[in-house]
Amino acid sequence: VNTAGFLILPWVRSLALASMILSQAARQLPKDWMARYGYAQLLTTFAEFERHKGTCDKAANWNLVGRTAGGARSSRATSR
């Protein structure tokens, strides 16, 4: 599951919409994953700390467990 395309358009006005969507996804996705694959799955999200504060992630009770060095999936093959 990838939240890289998560976008709320500027003219949409709803209090705490982003954090509500993220918290609902965090509740539902592990259930769906268990039903489909038979085991639990942790959820991750990525924020560019230089550009974003991660406010909606924090409001949705997501926990910071660390920071990555960055890089796209396509860069994995060349970084080995």
N, C-alpha and C. Protein backbone atom coordinates (compact mmCIF):
# COMPACT_ATOMS: atom_id res chain seq x y z
N VAL A 1 0.86 -1.17 0.00
CA VAL A 1 0.00 0.00 0.00
C VAL A 1 0.89 1.22 0.00
N ASN A 2 0.59 2.16 -0.84
CA ASN A 2 1.44 3.33 -0.99
C ASN A 2 0.60 4.59 -0.85
N THR A 3 1.04 5.51 -0.01
CA THR A 3 0.32 6.78 0.16
C THR A 3 1.01 7.92 -0.57
N ALA A 4 1.93 7.59 -1.46
CA ALA A 4 2.68 8.64 -2.16
C ALA A 4 1.76 9.53 -3.00
N GLY A 5 0.65 8.99 -3.46
CA GLY A 5 -0.27 9.77 -4.27
C GLY A 5 -1.39 10.42 -3.48
N PHE A 6 -1.26 10.46 -2.18
CA PHE A 6 -2.30 11.01 -1.32
C PHE A 6 -2.39 12.51 -1.55
N LEU A 7 -3.53 12.97 -2.02
CA LEU A 7 -3.69 14.38 -2.34
C LEU A 7 -5.09 14.84 -1.99
N ILE A 8 -5.18 15.92 -1.26
CA ILE A 8 -6.46 16.58 -1.02
C ILE A 8 -6.35 17.93 -1.72
N LEU A 9 -7.24 18.14 -2.64
CA LEU A 9 -7.19 19.36 -3.44
C LEU A 9 -7.43 20.60 -2.57
N PRO A 10 -6.82 21.72 -2.92
CA PRO A 10 -6.88 22.91 -2.07
C PRO A 10 -8.28 23.44 -1.80
N TRP A 11 -9.22 23.22 -2.72
CA TRP A 11 -10.56 23.77 -2.52
C TRP A 11 -11.44 22.86 -1.65
N VAL A 12 -10.95 21.67 -1.29
CA VAL A 12 -11.71 20.79 -0.41
C VAL A 12 -11.49 21.26 1.03
N ARG A 13 -12.57 21.59 1.69
CA ARG A 13 -12.50 22.09 3.06
C ARG A 13 -13.22 21.12 3.99
N SER A 14 -12.45 20.42 4.78
CA SER A 14 -13.02 19.49 5.75
C SER A 14 -12.02 19.38 6.89
N LEU A 15 -12.46 19.66 8.08
CA LEU A 15 -11.59 19.65 9.25
C LEU A 15 -11.01 18.25 9.47
N ALA A 16 -9.71 18.15 9.52
CA ALA A 16 -8.98 16.92 9.83
C ALA A 16 -9.23 15.79 8.83
N LEU A 17 -9.54 16.11 7.59
CA LEU A 17 -9.84 15.09 6.59
C LEU A 17 -8.66 14.15 6.36
N ALA A 18 -7.48 14.69 6.20
CA ALA A 18 -6.31 13.85 5.92
C ALA A 18 -6.04 12.86 7.05
N SER A 19 -6.06 13.32 8.29
CA SER A 19 -5.79 12.41 9.40
C SER A 19 -6.91 11.38 9.57
N MET A 20 -8.16 11.76 9.27
CA MET A 20 -9.26 10.79 9.35
C MET A 20 -9.08 9.69 8.30
N ILE A 21 -8.69 10.06 7.09
CA ILE A 21 -8.48 9.07 6.03
C ILE A 21 -7.34 8.12 6.41
N LEU A 22 -6.24 8.67 6.89
CA LEU A 22 -5.11 7.84 7.27
C LEU A 22 -5.44 6.92 8.44
N SER A 23 -6.16 7.42 9.44
CA SER A 23 -6.49 6.57 10.58
C SER A 23 -7.48 5.47 10.19
N GLN A 24 -8.43 5.77 9.30
CA GLN A 24 -9.35 4.73 8.83
C GLN A 24 -8.60 3.66 8.03
N ALA A 25 -7.67 4.09 7.20
CA ALA A 25 -6.87 3.14 6.43
C ALA A 25 -6.04 2.27 7.36
N ALA A 26 -5.48 2.87 8.41
CA ALA A 26 -4.65 2.12 9.35
C ALA A 26 -5.48 1.08 10.12
N ARG A 27 -6.75 1.35 10.32
CA ARG A 27 -7.62 0.37 10.98
C ARG A 27 -8.08 -0.72 10.02
N GLN A 28 -8.39 -0.36 8.78
CA GLN A 28 -8.97 -1.31 7.84
C GLN A 28 -7.94 -2.20 7.14
N LEU A 29 -6.83 -1.63 6.73
CA LEU A 29 -5.86 -2.39 5.92
C LEU A 29 -5.33 -3.65 6.60
N PRO A 30 -4.99 -3.63 7.89
CA PRO A 30 -4.52 -4.89 8.51
C PRO A 30 -5.59 -5.99 8.48
N LYS A 31 -6.85 -5.63 8.64
CA LYS A 31 -7.94 -6.61 8.56
C LYS A 31 -8.03 -7.19 7.16
N ASP A 32 -7.97 -6.32 6.15
CA ASP A 32 -8.03 -6.78 4.76
C ASP A 32 -6.84 -7.66 4.43
N TRP A 33 -5.66 -7.26 4.89
CA TRP A 33 -4.43 -8.01 4.62
C TRP A 33 -4.52 -9.40 5.25
N MET A 34 -5.01 -9.47 6.50
CA MET A 34 -5.15 -10.75 7.19
C MET A 34 -6.14 -11.65 6.46
N ALA A 35 -7.25 -11.09 6.03
CA ALA A 35 -8.26 -11.87 5.32
C ALA A 35 -7.72 -12.41 4.00
N ARG A 36 -6.93 -11.63 3.31
CA ARG A 36 -6.43 -12.02 1.99
C ARG A 36 -5.19 -12.91 2.06
N TYR A 37 -4.23 -12.55 2.93
CA TYR A 37 -2.94 -13.23 2.93
C TYR A 37 -2.70 -14.10 4.17
N GLY A 38 -3.53 -13.94 5.21
CA GLY A 38 -3.39 -14.79 6.38
C GLY A 38 -2.38 -14.33 7.41
N TYR A 39 -1.86 -13.13 7.27
CA TYR A 39 -0.94 -12.59 8.28
C TYR A 39 -1.06 -11.08 8.32
N ALA A 40 -0.64 -10.51 9.43
CA ALA A 40 -0.74 -9.06 9.63
C ALA A 40 0.38 -8.35 8.88
N GLN A 41 0.11 -7.13 8.54
CA GLN A 41 1.08 -6.32 7.81
C GLN A 41 1.21 -4.97 8.49
N LEU A 42 2.44 -4.51 8.69
CA LEU A 42 2.66 -3.17 9.21
C LEU A 42 2.48 -2.16 8.10
N LEU A 43 2.08 -0.97 8.45
CA LEU A 43 1.89 0.09 7.48
C LEU A 43 3.03 1.09 7.60
N THR A 44 3.46 1.60 6.48
CA THR A 44 4.51 2.62 6.49
C THR A 44 4.06 3.80 5.63
N THR A 45 4.62 4.93 5.92
CA THR A 45 4.39 6.11 5.11
C THR A 45 5.71 6.87 5.05
N PHE A 46 5.86 7.67 4.06
CA PHE A 46 7.08 8.44 3.90
C PHE A 46 6.75 9.91 3.73
N ALA A 47 7.52 10.75 4.35
CA ALA A 47 7.34 12.20 4.22
C ALA A 47 8.70 12.82 3.95
N GLU A 48 8.72 13.76 3.06
CA GLU A 48 9.95 14.52 2.83
C GLU A 48 10.04 15.57 3.92
N PHE A 49 10.90 15.31 4.91
CA PHE A 49 10.97 16.18 6.08
C PHE A 49 11.36 17.62 5.73
N GLU A 50 12.08 17.78 4.64
CA GLU A 50 12.47 19.12 4.23
C GLU A 50 11.27 19.93 3.72
N ARG A 51 10.25 19.23 3.22
CA ARG A 51 9.09 19.90 2.63
C ARG A 51 7.82 19.79 3.46
N HIS A 52 7.70 18.71 4.25
CA HIS A 52 6.46 18.44 4.98
C HIS A 52 6.74 18.11 6.43
N LYS A 53 5.83 18.48 7.30
CA LYS A 53 5.99 18.23 8.73
C LYS A 53 5.41 16.89 9.16
N GLY A 54 4.60 16.25 8.33
CA GLY A 54 3.96 15.00 8.71
C GLY A 54 2.84 15.20 9.71
N THR A 55 2.23 16.37 9.69
CA THR A 55 1.19 16.71 10.66
C THR A 55 0.01 15.77 10.60
N CYS A 56 -0.48 15.43 9.40
CA CYS A 56 -1.64 14.55 9.32
C CYS A 56 -1.28 13.13 9.77
N ASP A 57 -0.04 12.69 9.53
CA ASP A 57 0.39 11.39 10.02
C ASP A 57 0.38 11.37 11.55
N LYS A 58 0.91 12.41 12.16
CA LYS A 58 0.92 12.50 13.62
C LYS A 58 -0.50 12.55 14.17
N ALA A 59 -1.38 13.31 13.53
CA ALA A 59 -2.76 13.42 13.99
C ALA A 59 -3.51 12.10 13.85
N ALA A 60 -3.09 11.25 12.93
CA ALA A 60 -3.72 9.94 12.74
C ALA A 60 -3.09 8.89 13.65
N ASN A 61 -2.23 9.31 14.58
CA ASN A 61 -1.57 8.44 15.56
C ASN A 61 -0.56 7.48 14.94
N TRP A 62 0.04 7.87 13.82
CA TRP A 62 1.12 7.09 13.25
C TRP A 62 2.37 7.40 14.07
N ASN A 63 3.24 6.43 14.24
CA ASN A 63 4.44 6.59 15.05
C ASN A 63 5.68 6.67 14.17
N LEU A 64 6.54 7.62 14.47
CA LEU A 64 7.82 7.71 13.78
C LEU A 64 8.74 6.63 14.35
N VAL A 65 9.19 5.74 13.50
CA VAL A 65 10.09 4.68 13.95
C VAL A 65 11.48 4.82 13.36
N GLY A 66 11.66 5.79 12.50
CA GLY A 66 12.98 6.02 11.92
C GLY A 66 12.88 6.78 10.62
N ARG A 67 14.03 7.09 10.09
CA ARG A 67 14.10 7.81 8.82
C ARG A 67 14.94 7.00 7.85
N THR A 68 14.58 7.08 6.59
CA THR A 68 15.33 6.36 5.56
C THR A 68 16.31 7.31 4.89
N ALA A 69 17.19 6.74 4.11
CA ALA A 69 18.12 7.54 3.34
C ALA A 69 17.46 8.04 2.06
N GLY A 70 16.23 7.60 1.81
CA GLY A 70 15.52 8.02 0.61
C GLY A 70 15.81 7.11 -0.55
N GLY A 71 15.42 7.54 -1.72
CA GLY A 71 15.63 6.72 -2.91
C GLY A 71 14.37 6.04 -3.35
N ALA A 72 14.21 5.90 -4.62
CA ALA A 72 13.04 5.26 -5.19
C ALA A 72 13.24 3.75 -5.28
N ARG A 73 12.16 3.04 -5.51
CA ARG A 73 12.26 1.58 -5.66
C ARG A 73 13.20 1.22 -6.82
N SER A 74 13.18 2.01 -7.86
CA SER A 74 14.01 1.71 -9.02
C SER A 74 15.49 1.85 -8.71
N SER A 75 15.83 2.58 -7.63
CA SER A 75 17.25 2.76 -7.31
C SER A 75 17.81 1.59 -6.52
N ARG A 76 16.97 0.66 -6.08
CA ARG A 76 17.44 -0.49 -5.29
C ARG A 76 18.44 -1.33 -6.06
N ALA A 77 18.17 -1.54 -7.33
CA ALA A 77 19.04 -2.40 -8.14
C ALA A 77 20.43 -1.79 -8.28
N THR A 78 20.52 -0.49 -8.34
CA THR A 78 21.82 0.15 -8.51
C THR A 78 22.52 0.44 -7.21
N SER A 79 21.83 0.34 -6.07
CA SER A 79 22.46 0.70 -4.81
C SER A 79 23.14 -0.49 -4.13
N ARG A 80 23.02 -1.68 -4.69
CA ARG A 80 23.60 -2.88 -4.07
C ARG A 80 25.05 -3.03 -4.36
